[in-house]
């Protein structure tokens, strides 16, 4: 059975803690980026129209239609 040290922090954890102490604005930038790409309301009507307007792809794309 392996015993872990109680106060052990990996090198990565130490690096991230130091980086956030030097540049605390990183957290705000992350929140802005998340809001830009992920935290937004979806327009269900436009999603439905996109799904309905898709053209089904043929099984083998490079084969010409006969």
C-alpha atoms as a PDB file:
ATOM      1  CA  UNK A   1       0.000   0.000   0.000  1.00  0.00           C
ATOM      2  CA  UNK A   2       1.342   3.404  -0.995  1.00  0.00           C
ATOM      3  CA  UNK A   3       1.263   6.319   1.397  1.00  0.00           C
ATOM      4  CA  UNK A   4       0.958   9.833   0.063  1.00  0.00           C
ATOM      5  CA  UNK A   5       2.494  12.856   1.662  1.00  0.00           C
ATOM      6  CA  UNK A   6      -0.177  15.163   3.030  1.00  0.00           C
ATOM      7  CA  UNK A   7       1.400  18.385   1.772  1.00  0.00           C
ATOM      8  CA  UNK A   8       2.492  17.172  -1.644  1.00  0.00           C
ATOM      9  CA  UNK A   9       1.714  19.358  -4.674  1.00  0.00           C
ATOM     10  CA  UNK A  10       2.693  18.357  -8.170  1.00  0.00           C
ATOM     11  CA  UNK A  11       4.905  20.553 -10.306  1.00  0.00           C
ATOM     12  CA  UNK A  12       1.946  21.391 -12.535  1.00  0.00           C
ATOM     13  CA  UNK A  13      -0.184  22.520  -9.582  1.00  0.00           C
ATOM     14  CA  UNK A  14       2.655  24.690  -8.302  1.00  0.00           C
ATOM     15  CA  UNK A  15       3.122  26.194 -11.757  1.00  0.00           C
ATOM     16  CA  UNK A  16      -0.573  27.029 -12.131  1.00  0.00           C
ATOM     17  CA  UNK A  17      -0.758  28.553  -8.643  1.00  0.00           C
ATOM     18  CA  UNK A  18       2.285  30.723  -9.383  1.00  0.00           C
ATOM     19  CA  UNK A  19       0.926  31.753 -12.776  1.00  0.00           C
ATOM     20  CA  UNK A  20      -2.408  32.796 -11.273  1.00  0.00           C
ATOM     21  CA  UNK A  21      -0.627  34.795  -8.579  1.00  0.00           C
ATOM     22  CA  UNK A  22       1.424  36.635 -11.204  1.00  0.00           C
ATOM     23  CA  UNK A  23      -1.464  37.149 -13.639  1.00  0.00           C
ATOM     24  CA  UNK A  24      -4.844  37.113 -11.846  1.00  0.00           C
ATOM     25  CA  UNK A  25      -6.584  38.505 -14.963  1.00  0.00           C
ATOM     26  CA  UNK A  26      -6.327  35.037 -16.551  1.00  0.00           C
ATOM     27  CA  UNK A  27      -9.421  33.909 -14.643  1.00  0.00           C
ATOM     28  CA  UNK A  28     -11.496  36.804 -16.026  1.00  0.00           C
ATOM     29  CA  UNK A  29     -10.229  36.103 -19.551  1.00  0.00           C
ATOM     30  CA  UNK A  30     -11.233  32.460 -19.197  1.00  0.00           C
ATOM     31  CA  UNK A  31     -14.738  33.482 -18.105  1.00  0.00           C
ATOM     32  CA  UNK A  32     -15.066  35.864 -21.058  1.00  0.00           C
ATOM     33  CA  UNK A  33     -13.946  33.155 -23.471  1.00  0.00           C
ATOM     34  CA  UNK A  34     -16.390  30.661 -22.023  1.00  0.00           C
ATOM     35  CA  UNK A  35     -19.230  33.162 -22.281  1.00  0.00           C
ATOM     36  CA  UNK A  36     -18.299  33.896 -25.886  1.00  0.00           C
ATOM     37  CA  UNK A  37     -18.278  30.278 -27.060  1.00  0.00           C
ATOM     38  CA  UNK A  38     -20.389  28.229 -24.651  1.00  0.00           C
ATOM     39  CA  UNK A  39     -22.686  30.254 -22.398  1.00  0.00           C
ATOM     40  CA  UNK A  40     -25.208  31.534 -24.884  1.00  0.00           C
ATOM     41  CA  UNK A  41     -28.852  30.905 -25.591  1.00  0.00           C
ATOM     42  CA  UNK A  42     -29.702  28.720 -28.547  1.00  0.00           C
ATOM     43  CA  UNK A  43     -32.260  29.738 -31.124  1.00  0.00           C
ATOM     44  CA  UNK A  44     -34.327  26.558 -31.375  1.00  0.00           C
ATOM     45  CA  UNK A  45     -36.106  27.673 -34.556  1.00  0.00           C
ATOM     46  CA  UNK A  46     -32.862  28.161 -36.460  1.00  0.00           C
ATOM     47  CA  UNK A  47     -31.503  24.830 -35.184  1.00  0.00           C
ATOM     48  CA  UNK A  48     -34.646  23.081 -36.385  1.00  0.00           C
ATOM     49  CA  UNK A  49     -34.434  24.767 -39.805  1.00  0.00           C
ATOM     50  CA  UNK A  50     -30.794  23.737 -40.151  1.00  0.00           C
ATOM     51  CA  UNK A  51     -31.627  20.128 -39.313  1.00  0.00           C
ATOM     52  CA  UNK A  52     -34.485  20.047 -41.812  1.00  0.00           C
ATOM     53  CA  UNK A  53     -32.453  21.610 -44.617  1.00  0.00           C
ATOM     54  CA  UNK A  54     -29.558  19.169 -44.464  1.00  0.00           C
ATOM     55  CA  UNK A  55     -29.062  17.037 -47.546  1.00  0.00           C
ATOM     56  CA  UNK A  56     -28.451  13.394 -46.801  1.00  0.00           C
ATOM     57  CA  UNK A  57     -24.981  12.307 -47.868  1.00  0.00           C
ATOM     58  CA  UNK A  58     -24.688   9.266 -50.070  1.00  0.00           C
ATOM     59  CA  UNK A  59     -22.898   6.239 -48.568  1.00  0.00           C
ATOM     60  CA  UNK A  60     -19.820   6.537 -50.774  1.00  0.00           C
ATOM     61  CA  UNK A  61     -19.119  10.200 -51.350  1.00  0.00           C
ATOM     62  CA  UNK A  62     -16.891   9.904 -54.422  1.00  0.00           C
ATOM     63  CA  UNK A  63     -19.207   7.665 -56.430  1.00  0.00           C
ATOM     64  CA  UNK A  64     -21.095   9.477 -59.166  1.00  0.00           C
ATOM     65  CA  UNK A  65     -24.839   9.034 -59.435  1.00  0.00           C
ATOM     66  CA  UNK A  66     -26.009   6.734 -62.246  1.00  0.00           C
END
